Structures are given as structure tokens and as C-alpha cells.
Amino acid sequence: MASVALRPSRSFSYPTASESSALAFALRVGEADPTGAPKPRLLGRVRAAIRARHYSRRTEKAYVAWIRRYSSSTTRGS
């Protein structure tokens, strides 16, 4: 665990990618899982990373919507 000192008497700890297997898997971009199954698509990886970080469902929905809008706006002109 990495820790960050907030006040002299308190510290906040959060898991690093090497310590949390769900977070580590969500952060590995483009790698197949050990079973050889097809790798998850972009939005699936984003959702997994957000859930591993314990963000709220509304935040997840907003991030996914932003990515969809950005993706659709950049691929229209091609």
C-alpha cells in the first residue's frame, strides 16, 4: 500500500496496481487474459477500471458517455 500523509496524525492508504488484481487487470491495456479469451473492448476496460477504483455508478455512466461522444465525433469524418 502506498500512503499519503494528509495531516501529521493521519495517513491515507490506497492500493497500487501491483497489489490489487482487479485493478491491475483493468489497467493492463491490450493484453489478453491468462485464459486466452478475447480481450475486453474499450468501454468494458473503462468500466472495470472505474469499478476497481470504487467510483460511483453515475460517474461510470458519465465517463462512458463522454468516451462514446468523443469516439463518435472523431470517427464521423473518416
PDB file of N, CA and C in Angstrom:
ATOM      1  N   MET A   1       0.831  -1.184   0.000  1.00  0.00           N
ATOM      2  CA  MET A   1       0.000   0.000   0.000  1.00  0.00           C
ATOM      3  C   MET A   1       0.876   1.247   0.000  1.00  0.00           C
ATOM      4  N   ALA A   2       0.530   2.163  -0.844  1.00  0.00           N
ATOM      5  CA  ALA A   2       1.192   3.461  -0.820  1.00  0.00           C
ATOM      6  C   ALA A   2       0.411   4.352   0.134  1.00  0.00           C
ATOM      7  N   SER A   3       1.100   5.160   0.879  1.00  0.00           N
ATOM      8  CA  SER A   3       0.385   6.024   1.810  1.00  0.00           C
ATOM      9  C   SER A   3       0.768   7.473   1.561  1.00  0.00           C
ATOM     10  N   VAL A   4      -0.203   8.320   1.778  1.00  0.00           N
ATOM     11  CA  VAL A   4      -0.034   9.749   1.591  1.00  0.00           C
ATOM     12  C   VAL A   4      -0.380  10.411   2.916  1.00  0.00           C
ATOM     13  N   ALA A   5       0.486  11.242   3.408  1.00  0.00           N
ATOM     14  CA  ALA A   5       0.233  11.917   4.683  1.00  0.00           C
ATOM     15  C   ALA A   5      -0.688  13.108   4.449  1.00  0.00           C
ATOM     16  N   LEU A   6      -1.861  13.070   5.077  1.00  0.00           N
ATOM     17  CA  LEU A   6      -2.802  14.176   4.977  1.00  0.00           C
ATOM     18  C   LEU A   6      -2.544  15.188   6.084  1.00  0.00           C
ATOM     19  N   ARG A   7      -2.362  14.693   7.256  1.00  0.00           N
ATOM     20  CA  ARG A   7      -2.040  15.501   8.426  1.00  0.00           C
ATOM     21  C   ARG A   7      -0.954  14.748   9.189  1.00  0.00           C
ATOM     22  N   PRO A   8      -0.280  15.414  10.074  1.00  0.00           N
ATOM     23  CA  PRO A   8       0.760  14.687  10.817  1.00  0.00           C
ATOM     24  C   PRO A   8       0.231  13.454  11.545  1.00  0.00           C
ATOM     25  N   SER A   9      -1.017  13.460  11.988  1.00  0.00           N
ATOM     26  CA  SER A   9      -1.534  12.344  12.764  1.00  0.00           C
ATOM     27  C   SER A   9      -2.286  11.316  11.915  1.00  0.00           C
ATOM     28  N   ARG A  10      -2.598  11.629  10.667  1.00  0.00           N
ATOM     29  CA  ARG A  10      -3.390  10.729   9.836  1.00  0.00           C
ATOM     30  C   ARG A  10      -2.661  10.431   8.523  1.00  0.00           C
ATOM     31  N   SER A  11      -2.963   9.281   7.966  1.00  0.00           N
ATOM     32  CA  SER A  11      -2.461   8.959   6.638  1.00  0.00           C
ATOM     33  C   SER A  11      -3.550   8.214   5.882  1.00  0.00           C
ATOM     34  N   PHE A  12      -3.524   8.322   4.585  1.00  0.00           N
ATOM     35  CA  PHE A  12      -4.497   7.695   3.717  1.00  0.00           C
ATOM     36  C   PHE A  12      -3.767   6.670   2.863  1.00  0.00           C
ATOM     37  N   SER A  13      -4.269   5.453   2.820  1.00  0.00           N
ATOM     38  CA  SER A  13      -3.651   4.406   2.024  1.00  0.00           C
ATOM     39  C   SER A  13      -4.574   4.009   0.889  1.00  0.00           C
ATOM     40  N   TYR A  14      -4.000   3.745  -0.265  1.00  0.00           N
ATOM     41  CA  TYR A  14      -4.769   3.278  -1.404  1.00  0.00           C
ATOM     42  C   TYR A  14      -3.983   2.173  -2.088  1.00  0.00           C
ATOM     43  N   PRO A  15      -4.688   1.224  -2.721  1.00  0.00           N
ATOM     44  CA  PRO A  15      -3.985   0.103  -3.338  1.00  0.00           C
ATOM     45  C   PRO A  15      -3.272   0.540  -4.612  1.00  0.00           C
ATOM     46  N   THR A  16      -2.122  -0.025  -4.852  1.00  0.00           N
ATOM     47  CA  THR A  16      -1.413   0.216  -6.094  1.00  0.00           C
ATOM     48  C   THR A  16      -1.781  -0.883  -7.075  1.00  0.00           C
ATOM     49  N   ALA A  17      -1.437  -0.706  -8.326  1.00  0.00           N
ATOM     50  CA  ALA A  17      -1.818  -1.666  -9.361  1.00  0.00           C
ATOM     51  C   ALA A  17      -1.242  -3.050  -9.096  1.00  0.00           C
ATOM     52  N   SER A  18      -0.074  -3.141  -8.497  1.00  0.00           N
ATOM     53  CA  SER A  18       0.525  -4.445  -8.257  1.00  0.00           C
ATOM     54  C   SER A  18      -0.142  -5.171  -7.094  1.00  0.00           C
ATOM     55  N   GLU A  19      -0.837  -4.465  -6.225  1.00  0.00           N
ATOM     56  CA  GLU A  19      -1.444  -5.076  -5.057  1.00  0.00           C
ATOM     57  C   GLU A  19      -2.869  -5.552  -5.290  1.00  0.00           C
ATOM     58  N   SER A  20      -3.585  -4.938  -6.182  1.00  0.00           N
ATOM     59  CA  SER A  20      -4.981  -5.279  -6.406  1.00  0.00           C
ATOM     60  C   SER A  20      -5.112  -5.961  -7.762  1.00  0.00           C
ATOM     61  N   SER A  21      -5.477  -7.223  -7.780  1.00  0.00           N
ATOM     62  CA  SER A  21      -5.524  -7.956  -9.039  1.00  0.00           C
ATOM     63  C   SER A  21      -6.590  -7.417  -9.980  1.00  0.00           C
ATOM     64  N   ALA A  22      -7.752  -7.014  -9.469  1.00  0.00           N
ATOM     65  CA  ALA A  22      -8.794  -6.459 -10.337  1.00  0.00           C
ATOM     66  C   ALA A  22      -8.335  -5.145 -10.932  1.00  0.00           C
ATOM     67  N   LEU A  23      -7.706  -4.310 -10.122  1.00  0.00           N
ATOM     68  CA  LEU A  23      -7.203  -3.031 -10.619  1.00  0.00           C
ATOM     69  C   LEU A  23      -6.074  -3.263 -11.609  1.00  0.00           C
ATOM     70  N   ALA A  24      -5.189  -4.194 -11.307  1.00  0.00           N
ATOM     71  CA  ALA A  24      -4.070  -4.469 -12.205  1.00  0.00           C
ATOM     72  C   ALA A  24      -4.578  -4.968 -13.551  1.00  0.00           C
ATOM     73  N   PHE A  25      -5.572  -5.854 -13.541  1.00  0.00           N
ATOM     74  CA  PHE A  25      -6.120  -6.351 -14.798  1.00  0.00           C
ATOM     75  C   PHE A  25      -6.799  -5.236 -15.575  1.00  0.00           C
ATOM     76  N   ALA A  26      -7.511  -4.367 -14.870  1.00  0.00           N
ATOM     77  CA  ALA A  26      -8.225  -3.285 -15.542  1.00  0.00           C
ATOM     78  C   ALA A  26      -7.266  -2.279 -16.156  1.00  0.00           C
ATOM     79  N   LEU A  27      -6.096  -2.121 -15.573  1.00  0.00           N
ATOM     80  CA  LEU A  27      -5.141  -1.138 -16.070  1.00  0.00           C
ATOM     81  C   LEU A  27      -4.261  -1.664 -17.191  1.00  0.00           C
ATOM     82  N   ARG A  28      -4.205  -2.975 -17.366  1.00  0.00           N
ATOM     83  CA  ARG A  28      -3.402  -3.534 -18.458  1.00  0.00           C
ATOM     84  C   ARG A  28      -4.169  -3.350 -19.756  1.00  0.00           C
ATOM     85  N   VAL A  29      -3.678  -2.525 -20.615  1.00  0.00           N
ATOM     86  CA  VAL A  29      -4.374  -2.224 -21.860  1.00  0.00           C
ATOM     87  C   VAL A  29      -3.811  -3.093 -22.970  1.00  0.00           C
ATOM     88  N   GLY A  30      -4.689  -3.768 -23.669  1.00  0.00           N
ATOM     89  CA  GLY A  30      -4.291  -4.528 -24.835  1.00  0.00           C
ATOM     90  C   GLY A  30      -3.720  -5.903 -24.566  1.00  0.00           C
ATOM     91  N   GLU A  31      -3.687  -6.362 -23.353  1.00  0.00           N
ATOM     92  CA  GLU A  31      -3.156  -7.679 -23.038  1.00  0.00           C
ATOM     93  C   GLU A  31      -4.294  -8.677 -22.908  1.00  0.00           C
ATOM     94  N   ALA A  32      -4.090  -9.869 -23.423  1.00  0.00           N
ATOM     95  CA  ALA A  32      -5.087 -10.925 -23.269  1.00  0.00           C
ATOM     96  C   ALA A  32      -5.005 -11.473 -21.853  1.00  0.00           C
ATOM     97  N   ASP A  33      -6.139 -11.955 -21.355  1.00  0.00           N
ATOM     98  CA  ASP A  33      -6.110 -12.532 -20.017  1.00  0.00           C
ATOM     99  C   ASP A  33      -5.443 -13.909 -20.070  1.00  0.00           C
ATOM    100  N   PRO A  34      -5.082 -14.475 -18.921  1.00  0.00           N
ATOM    101  CA  PRO A  34      -4.329 -15.736 -18.907  1.00  0.00           C
ATOM    102  C   PRO A  34      -5.044 -16.908 -19.574  1.00  0.00           C
ATOM    103  N   THR A  35      -6.368 -16.882 -19.661  1.00  0.00           N
ATOM    104  CA  THR A  35      -7.098 -17.999 -20.265  1.00  0.00           C
ATOM    105  C   THR A  35      -7.092 -17.938 -21.777  1.00  0.00           C
ATOM    106  N   GLY A  36      -6.631 -16.846 -22.358  1.00  0.00           N
ATOM    107  CA  GLY A  36      -6.598 -16.706 -23.808  1.00  0.00           C
ATOM    108  C   GLY A  36      -7.907 -16.208 -24.388  1.00  0.00           C
ATOM    109  N   ALA A  37      -8.852 -15.815 -23.542  1.00  0.00           N
ATOM    110  CA  ALA A  37     -10.122 -15.281 -24.018  1.00  0.00           C
ATOM    111  C   ALA A  37      -9.884 -13.943 -24.714  1.00  0.00           C
ATOM    112  N   PRO A  38     -10.791 -13.536 -25.578  1.00  0.00           N
ATOM    113  CA  PRO A  38     -10.599 -12.256 -26.258  1.00  0.00           C
ATOM    114  C   PRO A  38     -10.554 -11.113 -25.250  1.00  0.00           C
ATOM    115  N   LYS A  39      -9.710 -10.129 -25.534  1.00  0.00           N
ATOM    116  CA  LYS A  39      -9.568  -9.011 -24.603  1.00  0.00           C
ATOM    117  C   LYS A  39     -10.833  -8.153 -24.621  1.00  0.00           C
ATOM    118  N   PRO A  40     -11.185  -7.572 -23.475  1.00  0.00           N
ATOM    119  CA  PRO A  40     -12.393  -6.751 -23.426  1.00  0.00           C
ATOM    120  C   PRO A  40     -12.231  -5.487 -24.269  1.00  0.00           C
ATOM    121  N   ARG A  41     -13.329  -4.983 -24.742  1.00  0.00           N
ATOM    122  CA  ARG A  41     -13.304  -3.778 -25.562  1.00  0.00           C
ATOM    123  C   ARG A  41     -13.076  -2.562 -24.677  1.00  0.00           C
ATOM    124  N   LEU A  42     -12.895  -1.413 -25.304  1.00  0.00           N
ATOM    125  CA  LEU A  42     -12.510  -0.193 -24.598  1.00  0.00           C
ATOM    126  C   LEU A  42     -13.476   0.145 -23.466  1.00  0.00           C
ATOM    127  N   LEU A  43     -14.767   0.207 -23.747  1.00  0.00           N
ATOM    128  CA  LEU A  43     -15.716   0.609 -22.714  1.00  0.00           C
ATOM    129  C   LEU A  43     -15.779  -0.411 -21.579  1.00  0.00           C
ATOM    130  N   GLY A  44     -15.589  -1.677 -21.888  1.00  0.00           N
ATOM    131  CA  GLY A  44     -15.529  -2.698 -20.847  1.00  0.00           C
ATOM    132  C   GLY A  44     -14.318  -2.502 -19.950  1.00  0.00           C
ATOM    133  N   ARG A  45     -13.176  -2.147 -20.551  1.00  0.00           N
ATOM    134  CA  ARG A  45     -11.971  -1.884 -19.751  1.00  0.00           C
ATOM    135  C   ARG A  45     -12.144  -0.640 -18.909  1.00  0.00           C
ATOM    136  N   VAL A  46     -12.803   0.384 -19.464  1.00  0.00           N
ATOM    137  CA  VAL A  46     -13.043   1.617 -18.706  1.00  0.00           C
ATOM    138  C   VAL A  46     -13.940   1.314 -17.513  1.00  0.00           C
ATOM    139  N   ARG A  47     -15.022   0.570 -17.750  1.00  0.00           N
ATOM    140  CA  ARG A  47     -15.934   0.221 -16.650  1.00  0.00           C
ATOM    141  C   ARG A  47     -15.210  -0.573 -15.569  1.00  0.00           C
ATOM    142  N   ALA A  48     -14.383  -1.534 -15.967  1.00  0.00           N
ATOM    143  CA  ALA A  48     -13.654  -2.345 -14.988  1.00  0.00           C
ATOM    144  C   ALA A  48     -12.693  -1.487 -14.169  1.00  0.00           C
ATOM    145  N   ALA A  49     -12.012  -0.550 -14.824  1.00  0.00           N
ATOM    146  CA  ALA A  49     -11.073   0.315 -14.103  1.00  0.00           C
ATOM    147  C   ALA A  49     -11.806   1.228 -13.131  1.00  0.00           C
ATOM    148  N   ILE A  50     -12.952   1.756 -13.558  1.00  0.00           N
ATOM    149  CA  ILE A  50     -13.735   2.641 -12.689  1.00  0.00           C
ATOM    150  C   ILE A  50     -14.270   1.867 -11.494  1.00  0.00           C
ATOM    151  N   ARG A  51     -14.762   0.662 -11.732  1.00  0.00           N
ATOM    152  CA  ARG A  51     -15.289  -0.146 -10.622  1.00  0.00           C
ATOM    153  C   ARG A  51     -14.185  -0.578  -9.670  1.00  0.00           C
ATOM    154  N   ALA A  52     -13.004  -0.864 -10.205  1.00  0.00           N
ATOM    155  CA  ALA A  52     -11.882  -1.244  -9.342  1.00  0.00           C
ATOM    156  C   ALA A  52     -11.465  -0.088  -8.440  1.00  0.00           C
ATOM    157  N   ARG A  53     -11.686   1.134  -8.907  1.00  0.00           N
ATOM    158  CA  ARG A  53     -11.356   2.316  -8.110  1.00  0.00           C
ATOM    159  C   ARG A  53     -12.511   2.745  -7.208  1.00  0.00           C
ATOM    160  N   HIS A  54     -13.619   1.998  -7.241  1.00  0.00           N
ATOM    161  CA  HIS A  54     -14.792   2.236  -6.384  1.00  0.00           C
ATOM    162  C   HIS A  54     -15.438   3.593  -6.637  1.00  0.00           C
ATOM    163  N   TYR A  55     -15.480   4.013  -7.917  1.00  0.00           N
ATOM    164  CA  TYR A  55     -16.206   5.233  -8.256  1.00  0.00           C
ATOM    165  C   TYR A  55     -17.696   4.915  -8.265  1.00  0.00           C
ATOM    166  N   SER A  56     -18.526   5.950  -8.202  1.00  0.00           N
ATOM    167  CA  SER A  56     -19.976   5.731  -8.194  1.00  0.00           C
ATOM    168  C   SER A  56     -20.464   5.331  -9.586  1.00  0.00           C
ATOM    169  N   ARG A  57     -21.647   4.724  -9.645  1.00  0.00           N
ATOM    170  CA  ARG A  57     -22.229   4.309 -10.931  1.00  0.00           C
ATOM    171  C   ARG A  57     -22.516   5.519 -11.818  1.00  0.00           C
ATOM    172  N   ARG A  58     -22.911   6.625 -11.208  1.00  0.00           N
ATOM    173  CA  ARG A  58     -23.167   7.834 -12.005  1.00  0.00           C
ATOM    174  C   ARG A  58     -21.893   8.333 -12.659  1.00  0.00           C
ATOM    175  N   THR A  59     -20.787   8.271 -11.940  1.00  0.00           N
ATOM    176  CA  THR A  59     -19.506   8.672 -12.511  1.00  0.00           C
ATOM    177  C   THR A  59     -19.151   7.745 -13.661  1.00  0.00           C
ATOM    178  N   GLU A  60     -19.370   6.459 -13.471  1.00  0.00           N
ATOM    179  CA  GLU A  60     -19.107   5.489 -14.536  1.00  0.00           C
ATOM    180  C   GLU A  60     -19.936   5.812 -15.774  1.00  0.00           C
ATOM    181  N   LYS A  61     -21.222   6.084 -15.572  1.00  0.00           N
ATOM    182  CA  LYS A  61     -22.095   6.413 -16.705  1.00  0.00           C
ATOM    183  C   LYS A  61     -21.629   7.673 -17.428  1.00  0.00           C
ATOM    184  N   ALA A  62     -21.223   8.678 -16.655  1.00  0.00           N
ATOM    185  CA  ALA A  62     -20.766   9.933 -17.256  1.00  0.00           C
ATOM    186  C   ALA A  62     -19.487   9.719 -18.065  1.00  0.00           C
ATOM    187  N   TYR A  63     -18.515   8.988 -17.504  1.00  0.00           N
ATOM    188  CA  TYR A  63     -17.258   8.742 -18.206  1.00  0.00           C
ATOM    189  C   TYR A  63     -17.492   7.961 -19.491  1.00  0.00           C
ATOM    190  N   VAL A  64     -18.344   6.936 -19.429  1.00  0.00           N
ATOM    191  CA  VAL A  64     -18.631   6.132 -20.612  1.00  0.00           C
ATOM    192  C   VAL A  64     -19.333   6.988 -21.666  1.00  0.00           C
ATOM    193  N   ALA A  65     -20.249   7.845 -21.250  1.00  0.00           N
ATOM    194  CA  ALA A  65     -20.940   8.725 -22.199  1.00  0.00           C
ATOM    195  C   ALA A  65     -19.959   9.689 -22.858  1.00  0.00           C
ATOM    196  N   TRP A  66     -19.037  10.246 -22.095  1.00  0.00           N
ATOM    197  CA  TRP A  66     -18.031  11.152 -22.669  1.00  0.00           C
ATOM    198  C   TRP A  66     -17.177  10.424 -23.707  1.00  0.00           C
ATOM    199  N   ILE A  67     -16.775   9.207 -23.388  1.00  0.00           N
ATOM    200  CA  ILE A  67     -15.940   8.448 -24.320  1.00  0.00           C
ATOM    201  C   ILE A  67     -16.728   8.120 -25.579  1.00  0.00           C
ATOM    202  N   ARG A  68     -17.995   7.737 -25.422  1.00  0.00           N
ATOM    203  CA  ARG A  68     -18.822   7.452 -26.605  1.00  0.00           C
ATOM    204  C   ARG A  68     -18.978   8.689 -27.488  1.00  0.00           C
ATOM    205  N   ARG A  69     -19.262   9.832 -26.863  1.00  0.00           N
ATOM    206  CA  ARG A  69     -19.415  11.057 -27.652  1.00  0.00           C
ATOM    207  C   ARG A  69     -18.117  11.431 -28.349  1.00  0.00           C
ATOM    208  N   TYR A  70     -16.990  11.333 -27.654  1.00  0.00           N
ATOM    209  CA  TYR A  70     -15.706  11.663 -28.258  1.00  0.00           C
ATOM    210  C   TYR A  70     -15.394  10.708 -29.403  1.00  0.00           C
ATOM    211  N   SER A  71     -15.621   9.425 -29.169  1.00  0.00           N
ATOM    212  CA  SER A  71     -15.330   8.419 -30.177  1.00  0.00           C
ATOM    213  C   SER A  71     -16.190   8.623 -31.419  1.00  0.00           C
ATOM    214  N   SER A  72     -17.466   8.897 -31.224  1.00  0.00           N
ATOM    215  CA  SER A  72     -18.351   9.079 -32.381  1.00  0.00           C
ATOM    216  C   SER A  72     -18.032  10.370 -33.133  1.00  0.00           C
ATOM    217  N   SER A  73     -17.597  11.399 -32.415  1.00  0.00           N
ATOM    218  CA  SER A  73     -17.280  12.662 -33.097  1.00  0.00           C
ATOM    219  C   SER A  73     -15.955  12.578 -33.859  1.00  0.00           C
ATOM    220  N   THR A  74     -15.044  11.766 -33.407  1.00  0.00           N
ATOM    221  CA  THR A  74     -13.748  11.660 -34.101  1.00  0.00           C
ATOM    222  C   THR A  74     -13.776  10.656 -35.241  1.00  0.00           C
ATOM    223  N   THR A  75     -14.706   9.728 -35.243  1.00  0.00           N
ATOM    224  CA  THR A  75     -14.765   8.729 -36.306  1.00  0.00           C
ATOM    225  C   THR A  75     -15.739   9.109 -37.417  1.00  0.00           C
ATOM    226  N   ARG A  76     -16.549  10.131 -37.232  1.00  0.00           N
ATOM    227  CA  ARG A  76     -17.518  10.531 -38.281  1.00  0.00           C
ATOM    228  C   ARG A  76     -16.837  11.039 -39.527  1.00  0.00           C
ATOM    229  N   GLY A  77     -15.787  11.823 -39.370  1.00  0.00           N
ATOM    230  CA  GLY A  77     -15.134  12.438 -40.518  1.00  0.00           C
ATOM    231  C   GLY A  77     -14.308  11.465 -41.355  1.00  0.00           C
ATOM    232  N   SER A  78     -14.044  10.266 -40.848  1.00  0.00           N
ATOM    233  CA  SER A  78     -13.193   9.328 -41.565  1.00  0.00           C
ATOM    234  C   SER A  78     -13.927   8.615 -42.662  1.00  0.00           C
TER     235      SER A  78
END
